[in-house]
Amino acid sequence: MALLTIKQLAEQLGLAPSTVSKALRDSYEISAETKQRVLEAARQYHFTPNPYASSLRRKNSRTIAIVVPEVEDSFFSTAINGIEFVAHSADYHVLIYLTHEDQALEESILRELSNGRVDGILISVATGSASARHLLDYNMSGKPLVFFDRVLDEVPVHKVITDDFEAGYLASKHLLENGCTHISFLSIGDGLNIMKQRFDGGAKAVREFRPGTPYHYVNCSPDPNTARILIQKLLTSANQPDGIIGAVEKLAIATYLECKSLEIRIPEDLRVLAFSNLPTASLLKPGLSTIRQPAYEIGKKAASLLFESLNKNKPPFTPKSIVVPSVLEPRASTLWKEWQDHQ
């Protein structure tokens, strides 16, 4: 017996092929009674949908894109692992694009991906992404877009972040509790909201626990060589800090290298803490204190929201903002009091 097409099944039921297709996909647009009729007929006629043809009709690529500034930072590599776990479970392919902190490149990537090559995008924006026009344009194309970690609030899409203000507060409070009297916050760019949130959280801790303590924002560079030059200048200035918060792990590593070059001792002369998921943080000399972001969980949640948006069986969604807490992990690079006790 020849297999029925969806058009023939629809003719048997006296329904439109689109109605039968939606019923088989459990669409919210079709009544429960009609769905039941279609499913019973499908069983009766041994109808099996052709997933390949269905994909072609819907113009689905079964591919999603991840757009990130870099993969060297352990946060992004770990988040990508979380995204890929969800994508592969849904039988989707993943393409990874790097912006290298360049908004022009980010815009070019979004334009390339708007042609239907992928079904949706997960993105953590570049440092220089001052304008959201390209992201708003992509969102208007009808393809889903989900932010994770670095977001632009003016784009009305799902977002998965950590509480950067609270994390900055914990970082600054920890340094103050360990004897710091002059803290510098090292940022990689003024255009990122997460940098402002982390700095402002630290400022609140200073106001609460040691008002009047110098607490400075130092705008470094995403470029490692430039960042090292700026950090060296900071560590040899008249306003040399005794505590540093690296907003990203590469700035903490650059600080370690400059301290070694300048013979500045950690934690005796300088306490160092970083926002980092670096697996080898405890193996550094001394072990690096970190604010560890739940990168894998953030990646999984962001991917789940993307696939929720891709599910055409659901009615239009309201953008969600999911916040996953970060964790302070103290190590020898900041535990000055413990270091003193062991001398």
C-alpha atoms as a PDB file:
ATOM      1  CA  MET A   1       0.000   0.000   0.000  1.00  0.00           C
ATOM      2  CA  ALA A   2       1.438   3.401  -0.993  1.00  0.00           C
ATOM      3  CA  LEU A   3       2.087   5.824   1.824  1.00  0.00           C
ATOM      4  CA  LEU A   4      -0.296   8.764   2.086  1.00  0.00           C
ATOM      5  CA  THR A   5       0.924  12.303   1.675  1.00  0.00           C
ATOM      6  CA  ILE A   6      -0.233  14.962   4.072  1.00  0.00           C
ATOM      7  CA  LYS A   7      -2.415  16.390   1.278  1.00  0.00           C
ATOM      8  CA  GLN A   8      -4.145  13.017   0.794  1.00  0.00           C
ATOM      9  CA  LEU A   9      -4.669  12.635   4.549  1.00  0.00           C
ATOM     10  CA  ALA A  10      -6.233  16.102   4.615  1.00  0.00           C
ATOM     11  CA  GLU A  11      -8.588  15.133   1.761  1.00  0.00           C
ATOM     12  CA  GLN A  12      -9.708  12.056   3.699  1.00  0.00           C
ATOM     13  CA  LEU A  13     -10.600  14.286   6.644  1.00  0.00           C
ATOM     14  CA  GLY A  14     -12.041  17.181   4.696  1.00  0.00           C
ATOM     15  CA  LEU A  15      -9.477  19.549   6.192  1.00  0.00           C
ATOM     16  CA  ALA A  16      -6.853  21.881   4.803  1.00  0.00           C
ATOM     17  CA  PRO A  17      -3.330  20.392   4.604  1.00  0.00           C
ATOM     18  CA  SER A  18      -2.072  23.241   6.806  1.00  0.00           C
ATOM     19  CA  THR A  19      -4.613  22.313   9.498  1.00  0.00           C
ATOM     20  CA  VAL A  20      -3.499  18.675   9.429  1.00  0.00           C
ATOM     21  CA  SER A  21       0.164  19.719   9.566  1.00  0.00           C
ATOM     22  CA  LYS A  22      -0.443  21.955  12.580  1.00  0.00           C
ATOM     23  CA  ALA A  23      -2.501  19.270  14.320  1.00  0.00           C
ATOM     24  CA  LEU A  24       0.313  16.735  13.885  1.00  0.00           C
ATOM     25  CA  ARG A  25       2.724  19.278  15.424  1.00  0.00           C
ATOM     26  CA  ASP A  26       0.351  19.813  18.385  1.00  0.00           C
ATOM     27  CA  SER A  27      -0.076  23.491  17.484  1.00  0.00           C
ATOM     28  CA  TYR A  28      -1.909  25.704  19.977  1.00  0.00           C
ATOM     29  CA  GLU A  29      -3.938  27.027  17.007  1.00  0.00           C
ATOM     30  CA  ILE A  30      -5.792  23.721  16.519  1.00  0.00           C
ATOM     31  CA  SER A  31      -8.567  22.505  18.818  1.00  0.00           C
ATOM     32  CA  ALA A  32      -8.142  19.351  20.876  1.00  0.00           C
ATOM     33  CA  GLU A  33     -11.073  17.723  19.007  1.00  0.00           C
ATOM     34  CA  THR A  34      -9.492  18.312  15.592  1.00  0.00           C
ATOM     35  CA  LYS A  35      -6.113  17.105  16.810  1.00  0.00           C
ATOM     36  CA  GLN A  36      -7.738  13.888  17.999  1.00  0.00           C
ATOM     37  CA  ARG A  37      -9.447  13.346  14.603  1.00  0.00           C
ATOM     38  CA  VAL A  38      -6.177  13.871  12.761  1.00  0.00           C
ATOM     39  CA  LEU A  39      -4.174  11.555  15.019  1.00  0.00           C
ATOM     40  CA  GLU A  40      -6.770   8.783  14.744  1.00  0.00           C
ATOM     41  CA  ALA A  41      -6.791   9.082  10.944  1.00  0.00           C
ATOM     42  CA  ALA A  42      -2.989   9.101  10.854  1.00  0.00           C
ATOM     43  CA  ARG A  43      -2.948   5.819  12.802  1.00  0.00           C
ATOM     44  CA  GLN A  44      -5.689   4.337  10.628  1.00  0.00           C
ATOM     45  CA  TYR A  45      -3.864   5.115   7.374  1.00  0.00           C
ATOM     46  CA  HIS A  46      -0.387   4.457   8.843  1.00  0.00           C
ATOM     47  CA  PHE A  47       0.607   8.004   7.991  1.00  0.00           C
ATOM     48  CA  THR A  48       4.196   8.966   8.928  1.00  0.00           C
ATOM     49  CA  PRO A  49       5.336  12.569   8.421  1.00  0.00           C
ATOM     50  CA  ASN A  50       8.468  13.063   6.336  1.00  0.00           C
ATOM     51  CA  PRO A  51      10.756  15.100   8.622  1.00  0.00           C
ATOM     52  CA  TYR A  52      13.096  16.073   5.784  1.00  0.00           C
ATOM     53  CA  ALA A  53      10.314  17.422   3.573  1.00  0.00           C
ATOM     54  CA  SER A  54       8.770  19.143   6.562  1.00  0.00           C
ATOM     55  CA  SER A  55      12.068  20.849   7.280  1.00  0.00           C
ATOM     56  CA  LEU A  56      12.327  22.058   3.684  1.00  0.00           C
ATOM     57  CA  ARG A  57       8.779  23.438   3.741  1.00  0.00           C
ATOM     58  CA  ARG A  58       9.474  25.359   6.916  1.00  0.00           C
ATOM     59  CA  LYS A  59      12.861  26.466   5.521  1.00  0.00           C
ATOM     60  CA  ASN A  60      14.592  25.227   8.652  1.00  0.00           C
ATOM     61  CA  SER A  61      18.318  24.599   8.596  1.00  0.00           C
ATOM     62  CA  ARG A  62      18.398  22.712  11.916  1.00  0.00           C
ATOM     63  CA  THR A  63      21.405  24.877  12.706  1.00  0.00           C
ATOM     64  CA  ILE A  64      21.878  27.650  15.261  1.00  0.00           C
ATOM     65  CA  ALA A  65      24.696  30.166  15.651  1.00  0.00           C
ATOM     66  CA  ILE A  66      26.652  31.216  18.724  1.00  0.00           C
ATOM     67  CA  VAL A  67      28.215  34.677  18.426  1.00  0.00           C
ATOM     68  CA  VAL A  68      30.794  35.502  21.111  1.00  0.00           C
ATOM     69  CA  PRO A  69      33.716  37.924  21.532  1.00  0.00           C
ATOM     70  CA  GLU A  70      36.265  35.128  22.003  1.00  0.00           C
ATOM     71  CA  VAL A  71      36.763  31.544  23.142  1.00  0.00           C
ATOM     72  CA  GLU A  72      40.034  32.064  25.006  1.00  0.00           C
ATOM     73  CA  ASP A  73      38.118  33.264  28.074  1.00  0.00           C
ATOM     74  CA  SER A  74      36.981  30.183  29.982  1.00  0.00           C
ATOM     75  CA  PHE A  75      33.518  31.662  30.537  1.00  0.00           C
ATOM     76  CA  PHE A  76      32.683  31.584  26.853  1.00  0.00           C
ATOM     77  CA  SER A  77      34.173  28.166  26.172  1.00  0.00           C
ATOM     78  CA  THR A  78      32.203  26.706  29.101  1.00  0.00           C
ATOM     79  CA  ALA A  79      28.978  28.464  28.066  1.00  0.00           C
ATOM     80  CA  ILE A  80      29.389  27.080  24.535  1.00  0.00           C
ATOM     81  CA  ASN A  81      29.590  23.574  26.003  1.00  0.00           C
ATOM     82  CA  GLY A  82      26.261  24.149  27.755  1.00  0.00           C
ATOM     83  CA  ILE A  83      24.668  25.462  24.560  1.00  0.00           C
ATOM     84  CA  GLU A  84      25.962  22.546  22.494  1.00  0.00           C
ATOM     85  CA  PHE A  85      24.587  20.031  24.996  1.00  0.00           C
ATOM     86  CA  VAL A  86      21.066  21.394  24.508  1.00  0.00           C
ATOM     87  CA  ALA A  87      21.458  21.821  20.739  1.00  0.00           C
ATOM     88  CA  HIS A  88      22.722  18.303  20.160  1.00  0.00           C
ATOM     89  CA  SER A  89      19.910  16.921  22.332  1.00  0.00           C
ATOM     90  CA  ALA A  90      17.504  18.671  19.943  1.00  0.00           C
ATOM     91  CA  ASP A  91      19.392  17.253  16.932  1.00  0.00           C
ATOM     92  CA  TYR A  92      20.653  20.692  15.866  1.00  0.00           C
ATOM     93  CA  HIS A  93      24.039  21.712  14.517  1.00  0.00           C
ATOM     94  CA  VAL A  94      25.991  24.633  15.992  1.00  0.00           C
ATOM     95  CA  LEU A  95      28.075  27.261  14.212  1.00  0.00           C
ATOM     96  CA  ILE A  96      30.416  29.445  16.283  1.00  0.00           C
ATOM     97  CA  TYR A  97      31.367  32.980  15.232  1.00  0.00           C
ATOM     98  CA  LEU A  98      33.942  35.213  16.967  1.00  0.00           C
ATOM     99  CA  THR A  99      33.610  39.005  16.929  1.00  0.00           C
ATOM    100  CA  HIS A 100      37.011  39.702  18.547  1.00  0.00           C
ATOM    101  CA  GLU A 101      35.357  42.607  20.411  1.00  0.00           C
ATOM    102  CA  ASP A 102      34.680  44.379  17.093  1.00  0.00           C
ATOM    103  CA  GLN A 103      31.189  45.777  16.533  1.00  0.00           C
ATOM    104  CA  ALA A 104      31.726  46.140  12.772  1.00  0.00           C
ATOM    105  CA  LEU A 105      32.537  42.426  12.557  1.00  0.00           C
ATOM    106  CA  GLU A 106      29.545  41.628  14.771  1.00  0.00           C
ATOM    107  CA  GLU A 107      27.281  43.599  12.411  1.00  0.00           C
ATOM    108  CA  SER A 108      28.727  41.755   9.413  1.00  0.00           C
ATOM    109  CA  ILE A 109      28.103  38.377  11.055  1.00  0.00           C
ATOM    110  CA  LEU A 110      24.481  39.287  11.853  1.00  0.00           C
ATOM    111  CA  ARG A 111      23.907  40.391   8.263  1.00  0.00           C
ATOM    112  CA  GLU A 112      25.351  37.121   6.971  1.00  0.00           C
ATOM    113  CA  LEU A 113      23.177  35.068   9.302  1.00  0.00           C
ATOM    114  CA  SER A 114      19.980  36.946   8.466  1.00  0.00           C
ATOM    115  CA  ASN A 115      19.778  35.133   5.096  1.00  0.00           C
ATOM    116  CA  GLY A 116      18.373  31.969   6.687  1.00  0.00           C
ATOM    117  CA  ARG A 117      21.614  30.077   7.110  1.00  0.00           C
ATOM    118  CA  VAL A 118      20.663  29.469  10.749  1.00  0.00           C
ATOM    119  CA  ASP A 119      17.324  29.179  12.548  1.00  0.00           C
ATOM    120  CA  GLY A 120      18.340  31.383  15.472  1.00  0.00           C
ATOM    121  CA  ILE A 121      21.227  33.096  17.244  1.00  0.00           C
ATOM    122  CA  LEU A 122      22.655  33.100  20.760  1.00  0.00           C
ATOM    123  CA  ILE A 123      24.876  36.125  21.295  1.00  0.00           C
ATOM    124  CA  SER A 124      27.104  37.788  23.879  1.00  0.00           C
ATOM    125  CA  VAL A 125      27.808  41.231  22.482  1.00  0.00           C
ATOM    126  CA  ALA A 126      31.225  42.721  21.732  1.00  0.00           C
ATOM    127  CA  THR A 127      32.761  45.436  23.888  1.00  0.00           C
ATOM    128  CA  GLY A 128      32.269  48.021  21.163  1.00  0.00           C
ATOM    129  CA  SER A 129      28.563  47.286  20.610  1.00  0.00           C
ATOM    130  CA  ALA A 130      27.353  50.782  21.426  1.00  0.00           C
ATOM    131  CA  SER A 131      24.556  50.571  18.835  1.00  0.00           C
ATOM    132  CA  ALA A 132      21.823  47.953  18.873  1.00  0.00           C
ATOM    133  CA  ARG A 133      20.546  48.672  15.344  1.00  0.00           C
ATOM    134  CA  HIS A 134      21.901  45.482  13.773  1.00  0.00           C
ATOM    135  CA  LEU A 135      20.458  43.374  16.596  1.00  0.00           C
ATOM    136  CA  LEU A 136      17.073  45.068  16.381  1.00  0.00           C
ATOM    137  CA  ASP A 137      17.073  44.500  12.620  1.00  0.00           C
ATOM    138  CA  TYR A 138      17.829  40.802  13.032  1.00  0.00           C
ATOM    139  CA  ASN A 139      15.141  40.470  15.706  1.00  0.00           C
ATOM    140  CA  MET A 140      12.601  42.020  13.326  1.00  0.00           C
ATOM    141  CA  SER A 141      13.411  39.334  10.739  1.00  0.00           C
ATOM    142  CA  GLY A 142      11.362  36.834  12.718  1.00  0.00           C
ATOM    143  CA  LYS A 143      14.308  34.598  13.584  1.00  0.00           C
ATOM    144  CA  PRO A 144      14.808  34.216  17.359  1.00  0.00           C
ATOM    145  CA  LEU A 145      17.696  35.953  19.108  1.00  0.00           C
ATOM    146  CA  VAL A 146      18.768  35.252  22.706  1.00  0.00           C
ATOM    147  CA  PHE A 147      21.358  37.167  24.735  1.00  0.00           C
ATOM    148  CA  PHE A 148      23.601  35.576  27.331  1.00  0.00           C
ATOM    149  CA  ASP A 149      26.055  37.282  29.715  1.00  0.00           C
ATOM    150  CA  ARG A 150      26.596  40.509  27.749  1.00  0.00           C
ATOM    151  CA  VAL A 151      23.286  42.044  26.769  1.00  0.00           C
ATOM    152  CA  LEU A 152      21.761  45.203  25.324  1.00  0.00           C
ATOM    153  CA  ASP A 153      18.641  46.047  27.308  1.00  0.00           C
ATOM    154  CA  GLU A 154      16.968  47.932  24.452  1.00  0.00           C
ATOM    155  CA  VAL A 155      16.590  44.741  22.405  1.00  0.00           C
ATOM    156  CA  PRO A 156      13.357  42.969  23.517  1.00  0.00           C
ATOM    157  CA  VAL A 157      14.505  39.337  23.524  1.00  0.00           C
ATOM    158  CA  HIS A 158      15.219  36.603  26.060  1.00  0.00           C
ATOM    159  CA  LYS A 159      18.296  37.234  28.220  1.00  0.00           C
ATOM    160  CA  VAL A 160      20.268  34.948  30.555  1.00  0.00           C
ATOM    161  CA  ILE A 161      22.688  36.725  32.862  1.00  0.00           C
ATOM    162  CA  THR A 162      24.255  36.601  36.272  1.00  0.00           C
ATOM    163  CA  ASP A 163      23.728  39.241  38.972  1.00  0.00           C
ATOM    164  CA  ASP A 164      26.738  41.374  38.087  1.00  0.00           C
ATOM    165  CA  PHE A 165      25.930  44.085  40.644  1.00  0.00           C
ATOM    166  CA  GLU A 166      25.805  41.558  43.481  1.00  0.00           C
ATOM    167  CA  ALA A 167      28.954  39.836  42.200  1.00  0.00           C
ATOM    168  CA  GLY A 168      30.817  43.170  42.151  1.00  0.00           C
ATOM    169  CA  TYR A 169      29.617  43.821  45.680  1.00  0.00           C
ATOM    170  CA  LEU A 170      30.929  40.450  46.878  1.00  0.00           C
ATOM    171  CA  ALA A 171      34.291  41.007  45.178  1.00  0.00           C
ATOM    172  CA  SER A 172      34.873  44.447  46.721  1.00  0.00           C
ATOM    173  CA  LYS A 173      33.613  43.380  50.145  1.00  0.00           C
ATOM    174  CA  HIS A 174      36.013  40.423  50.110  1.00  0.00           C
ATOM    175  CA  LEU A 175      39.011  42.668  49.346  1.00  0.00           C
ATOM    176  CA  LEU A 176      38.018  45.137  52.067  1.00  0.00           C
ATOM    177  CA  GLU A 177      37.713  42.306  54.592  1.00  0.00           C
ATOM    178  CA  ASN A 178      41.218  41.230  53.655  1.00  0.00           C
ATOM    179  CA  GLY A 179      42.919  44.526  54.376  1.00  0.00           C
ATOM    180  CA  CYS A 180      42.625  46.472  51.125  1.00  0.00           C
ATOM    181  CA  THR A 181      42.619  50.258  51.461  1.00  0.00           C
ATOM    182  CA  HIS A 182      42.868  51.220  47.777  1.00  0.00           C
ATOM    183  CA  ILE A 183      41.025  49.171  45.143  1.00  0.00           C
ATOM    184  CA  SER A 184      41.194  49.406  41.352  1.00  0.00           C
ATOM    185  CA  PHE A 185      38.547  47.846  39.132  1.00  0.00           C
ATOM    186  CA  LEU A 186      40.008  46.825  35.760  1.00  0.00           C
ATOM    187  CA  SER A 187      37.481  46.969  32.899  1.00  0.00           C
ATOM    188  CA  ILE A 188      37.755  46.100  29.202  1.00  0.00           C
ATOM    189  CA  GLY A 189      35.320  48.729  27.956  1.00  0.00           C
ATOM    190  CA  ASP A 190      32.899  51.446  28.935  1.00  0.00           C
ATOM    191  CA  GLY A 191      30.234  50.255  26.492  1.00  0.00           C
ATOM    192  CA  LEU A 192      29.335  47.058  28.346  1.00  0.00           C
ATOM    193  CA  ASN A 193      26.561  47.188  30.930  1.00  0.00           C
ATOM    194  CA  ILE A 194      28.107  44.298  32.870  1.00  0.00           C
ATOM    195  CA  MET A 195      31.235  46.398  33.527  1.00  0.00           C
ATOM    196  CA  LYS A 196      29.145  49.213  34.994  1.00  0.00           C
ATOM    197  CA  GLN A 197      27.108  46.778  37.095  1.00  0.00           C
ATOM    198  CA  ARG A 198      30.195  45.078  38.518  1.00  0.00           C
ATOM    199  CA  PHE A 199      31.872  48.402  39.286  1.00  0.00           C
ATOM    200  CA  ASP A 200      28.749  49.894  40.875  1.00  0.00           C
ATOM    201  CA  GLY A 201      28.300  46.806  43.064  1.00  0.00           C
ATOM    202  CA  GLY A 202      31.857  47.223  44.302  1.00  0.00           C
ATOM    203  CA  ALA A 203      31.259  50.914  44.995  1.00  0.00           C
ATOM    204  CA  LYS A 204      28.297  50.014  47.198  1.00  0.00           C
ATOM    205  CA  ALA A 205      30.463  47.679  49.288  1.00  0.00           C
ATOM    206  CA  VAL A 206      33.045  50.454  49.766  1.00  0.00           C
ATOM    207  CA  ARG A 207      30.345  52.864  50.941  1.00  0.00           C
ATOM    208  CA  GLU A 208      28.978  50.312  53.394  1.00  0.00           C
ATOM    209  CA  PHE A 209      32.156  48.819  54.836  1.00  0.00           C
ATOM    210  CA  ARG A 210      34.875  51.447  54.478  1.00  0.00           C
ATOM    211  CA  PRO A 211      33.581  54.852  53.326  1.00  0.00           C
ATOM    212  CA  GLY A 212      36.246  57.035  51.766  1.00  0.00           C
ATOM    213  CA  THR A 213      38.387  54.124  50.571  1.00  0.00           C
ATOM    214  CA  PRO A 214      39.797  54.914  47.106  1.00  0.00           C
ATOM    215  CA  TYR A 215      37.990  52.824  44.520  1.00  0.00           C
ATOM    216  CA  HIS A 216      38.905  53.560  40.917  1.00  0.00           C
ATOM    217  CA  TYR A 217      37.615  52.456  37.526  1.00  0.00           C
ATOM    218  CA  VAL A 218      40.515  51.696  35.164  1.00  0.00           C
ATOM    219  CA  ASN A 219      39.578  51.276  31.509  1.00  0.00           C
ATOM    220  CA  CYS A 220      42.014  48.750  30.092  1.00  0.00           C
ATOM    221  CA  SER A 221      41.872  47.186  26.634  1.00  0.00           C
ATOM    222  CA  PRO A 222      40.672  43.839  25.255  1.00  0.00           C
ATOM    223  CA  ASP A 223      44.086  43.617  23.585  1.00  0.00           C
ATOM    224  CA  PRO A 224      46.433  41.724  25.989  1.00  0.00           C
ATOM    225  CA  ASN A 225      49.555  43.717  25.117  1.00  0.00           C
ATOM    226  CA  THR A 226      47.828  47.072  25.554  1.00  0.00           C
ATOM    227  CA  ALA A 227      46.246  45.866  28.783  1.00  0.00           C
ATOM    228  CA  ARG A 228      49.650  44.897  30.201  1.00  0.00           C
ATOM    229  CA  ILE A 229      51.061  48.346  29.417  1.00  0.00           C
ATOM    230  CA  LEU A 230      48.137  50.035  31.177  1.00  0.00           C
ATOM    231  CA  ILE A 231      48.373  47.708  34.185  1.00  0.00           C
ATOM    232  CA  GLN A 232      52.119  48.312  34.453  1.00  0.00           C
ATOM    233  CA  LYS A 233      51.444  52.050  34.439  1.00  0.00           C
ATOM    234  CA  LEU A 234      48.879  51.588  37.216  1.00  0.00           C
ATOM    235  CA  LEU A 235      51.151  49.444  39.376  1.00  0.00           C
ATOM    236  CA  THR A 236      54.041  51.912  39.150  1.00  0.00           C
ATOM    237  CA  SER A 237      51.978  55.071  39.689  1.00  0.00           C
ATOM    238  CA  ALA A 238      51.809  57.203  42.816  1.00  0.00           C
ATOM    239  CA  ASN A 239      48.262  55.846  43.314  1.00  0.00           C
ATOM    240  CA  GLN A 240      49.315  52.198  43.242  1.00  0.00           C
ATOM    241  CA  PRO A 241      46.403  50.058  44.534  1.00  0.00           C
ATOM    242  CA  ASP A 242      46.679  47.261  47.076  1.00  0.00           C
ATOM    243  CA  GLY A 243      43.640  45.456  45.654  1.00  0.00           C
ATOM    244  CA  ILE A 244      42.634  44.696  42.065  1.00  0.00           C
ATOM    245  CA  ILE A 245      39.394  43.328  40.643  1.00  0.00           C
ATOM    246  CA  GLY A 246      39.773  42.025  37.100  1.00  0.00           C
ATOM    247  CA  ALA A 247      36.427  42.295  35.322  1.00  0.00           C
ATOM    248  CA  VAL A 248      37.541  39.439  33.040  1.00  0.00           C
ATOM    249  CA  GLU A 249      40.155  36.752  33.656  1.00  0.00           C
ATOM    250  CA  LYS A 250      42.627  37.986  31.012  1.00  0.00           C
ATOM    251  CA  LEU A 251      43.124  41.168  33.068  1.00  0.00           C
ATOM    252  CA  ALA A 252      43.969  39.123  36.163  1.00  0.00           C
ATOM    253  CA  ILE A 253      46.489  37.053  34.198  1.00  0.00           C
ATOM    254  CA  ALA A 254      48.023  40.260  32.837  1.00  0.00           C
ATOM    255  CA  THR A 255      48.238  41.570  36.421  1.00  0.00           C
ATOM    256  CA  TYR A 256      50.051  38.408  37.544  1.00  0.00           C
ATOM    257  CA  LEU A 257      52.566  38.796  34.720  1.00  0.00           C
ATOM    258  CA  GLU A 258      53.210  42.454  35.517  1.00  0.00           C
ATOM    259  CA  CYS A 259      53.567  41.737  39.227  1.00  0.00           C
ATOM    260  CA  LYS A 260      56.218  39.134  38.445  1.00  0.00           C
ATOM    261  CA  SER A 261      58.019  41.579  36.172  1.00  0.00           C
ATOM    262  CA  LEU A 262      57.872  44.399  38.751  1.00  0.00           C
ATOM    263  CA  GLU A 263      58.589  42.109  41.739  1.00  0.00           C
ATOM    264  CA  ILE A 264      55.273  42.996  43.368  1.00  0.00           C
ATOM    265  CA  ARG A 265      54.248  40.219  45.734  1.00  0.00           C
ATOM    266  CA  ILE A 266      50.757  38.677  45.718  1.00  0.00           C
ATOM    267  CA  PRO A 267      49.048  38.802  48.235  1.00  0.00           C
ATOM    268  CA  GLU A 268      51.592  40.614  50.457  1.00  0.00           C
ATOM    269  CA  ASP A 269      51.723  43.805  48.364  1.00  0.00           C
ATOM    270  CA  LEU A 270      48.669  43.356  46.174  1.00  0.00           C
ATOM    271  CA  ARG A 271      45.494  41.289  46.456  1.00  0.00           C
ATOM    272  CA  VAL A 272      44.054  40.127  43.124  1.00  0.00           C
ATOM    273  CA  LEU A 273      40.567  38.819  42.338  1.00  0.00           C
ATOM    274  CA  ALA A 274      38.945  38.159  38.951  1.00  0.00           C
ATOM    275  CA  PHE A 275      35.648  37.291  37.348  1.00  0.00           C
ATOM    276  CA  SER A 276      36.744  33.950  35.962  1.00  0.00           C
ATOM    277  CA  ASN A 277      35.825  30.323  35.338  1.00  0.00           C
ATOM    278  CA  LEU A 278      39.455  29.361  34.788  1.00  0.00           C
ATOM    279  CA  PRO A 279      39.763  25.640  35.705  1.00  0.00           C
ATOM    280  CA  THR A 280      43.423  26.134  36.688  1.00  0.00           C
ATOM    281  CA  ALA A 281      42.794  29.169  38.951  1.00  0.00           C
ATOM    282  CA  SER A 282      43.787  27.151  42.021  1.00  0.00           C
ATOM    283  CA  LEU A 283      47.052  26.074  40.337  1.00  0.00           C
ATOM    284  CA  LEU A 284      48.377  29.605  39.803  1.00  0.00           C
ATOM    285  CA  LYS A 285      51.049  30.864  42.208  1.00  0.00           C
ATOM    286  CA  PRO A 286      49.333  32.009  44.336  1.00  0.00           C
ATOM    287  CA  GLY A 287      45.914  30.528  43.605  1.00  0.00           C
ATOM    288  CA  LEU A 288      43.623  33.137  42.060  1.00  0.00           C
ATOM    289  CA  SER A 289      40.496  34.184  43.956  1.00  0.00           C
ATOM    290  CA  THR A 290      37.537  34.284  41.588  1.00  0.00           C
ATOM    291  CA  ILE A 291      33.940  35.249  41.120  1.00  0.00           C
ATOM    292  CA  ARG A 292      32.860  32.122  39.264  1.00  0.00           C
ATOM    293  CA  GLN A 293      29.965  32.622  36.891  1.00  0.00           C
ATOM    294  CA  PRO A 294      27.732  29.581  36.253  1.00  0.00           C
ATOM    295  CA  ALA A 295      28.735  29.582  32.586  1.00  0.00           C
ATOM    296  CA  TYR A 296      27.576  26.065  31.699  1.00  0.00           C
ATOM    297  CA  GLU A 297      24.170  26.654  33.292  1.00  0.00           C
ATOM    298  CA  ILE A 298      23.865  30.050  31.573  1.00  0.00           C
ATOM    299  CA  GLY A 299      24.615  28.410  28.218  1.00  0.00           C
ATOM    300  CA  LYS A 300      22.058  25.652  28.798  1.00  0.00           C
ATOM    301  CA  LYS A 301      19.322  28.066  29.871  1.00  0.00           C
ATOM    302  CA  ALA A 302      19.998  30.401  26.954  1.00  0.00           C
ATOM    303  CA  ALA A 303      19.831  27.512  24.474  1.00  0.00           C
ATOM    304  CA  SER A 304      16.614  26.225  26.050  1.00  0.00           C
ATOM    305  CA  LEU A 305      15.021  29.655  25.607  1.00  0.00           C
ATOM    306  CA  LEU A 306      16.124  29.735  21.973  1.00  0.00           C
ATOM    307  CA  PHE A 307      14.518  26.371  21.259  1.00  0.00           C
ATOM    308  CA  GLU A 308      11.402  27.479  23.100  1.00  0.00           C
ATOM    309  CA  SER A 309      11.252  30.402  20.662  1.00  0.00           C
ATOM    310  CA  LEU A 310      11.844  28.081  17.702  1.00  0.00           C
ATOM    311  CA  ASN A 311       8.893  25.925  18.714  1.00  0.00           C
ATOM    312  CA  LYS A 312       6.139  27.119  16.401  1.00  0.00           C
ATOM    313  CA  ASN A 313       3.560  25.241  18.472  1.00  0.00           C
ATOM    314  CA  LYS A 314       3.664  27.922  21.137  1.00  0.00           C
ATOM    315  CA  PRO A 315       1.900  31.299  21.085  1.00  0.00           C
ATOM    316  CA  PRO A 316       3.978  34.516  20.967  1.00  0.00           C
ATOM    317  CA  PHE A 317       6.205  34.827  24.039  1.00  0.00           C
ATOM    318  CA  THR A 318       7.014  37.626  26.458  1.00  0.00           C
ATOM    319  CA  PRO A 319      10.794  38.209  26.670  1.00  0.00           C
ATOM    320  CA  LYS A 320      12.266  36.682  29.824  1.00  0.00           C
ATOM    321  CA  SER A 321      15.292  37.754  31.826  1.00  0.00           C
ATOM    322  CA  ILE A 322      16.802  34.876  33.787  1.00  0.00           C
ATOM    323  CA  VAL A 323      19.418  35.621  36.457  1.00  0.00           C
ATOM    324  CA  VAL A 324      21.751  32.836  37.606  1.00  0.00           C
ATOM    325  CA  PRO A 325      23.840  33.726  40.728  1.00  0.00           C
ATOM    326  CA  SER A 326      27.645  33.769  40.690  1.00  0.00           C
ATOM    327  CA  VAL A 327      29.854  32.383  43.470  1.00  0.00           C
ATOM    328  CA  LEU A 328      32.855  33.867  45.302  1.00  0.00           C
ATOM    329  CA  GLU A 329      35.745  31.372  45.540  1.00  0.00           C
ATOM    330  CA  PRO A 330      38.496  32.817  47.768  1.00  0.00           C
ATOM    331  CA  ARG A 331      42.068  31.607  47.278  1.00  0.00           C
ATOM    332  CA  ALA A 332      45.557  32.685  48.273  1.00  0.00           C
ATOM    333  CA  SER A 333      45.685  35.742  45.990  1.00  0.00           C
ATOM    334  CA  THR A 334      43.385  37.665  48.336  1.00  0.00           C
ATOM    335  CA  LEU A 335      43.599  35.879  51.668  1.00  0.00           C
ATOM    336  CA  TRP A 336      46.086  38.344  53.160  1.00  0.00           C
ATOM    337  CA  LYS A 337      44.994  37.805  56.754  1.00  0.00           C
ATOM    338  CA  GLU A 338      45.462  34.046  56.453  1.00  0.00           C
ATOM    339  CA  TRP A 339      48.844  34.636  54.827  1.00  0.00           C
ATOM    340  CA  GLN A 340      49.873  36.862  57.774  1.00  0.00           C
ATOM    341  CA  ASP A 341      48.764  34.235  60.284  1.00  0.00           C
ATOM    342  CA  HIS A 342      51.066  31.676  58.675  1.00  0.00           C
ATOM    343  CA  GLN A 343      54.174  33.872  58.749  1.00  0.00           C
END
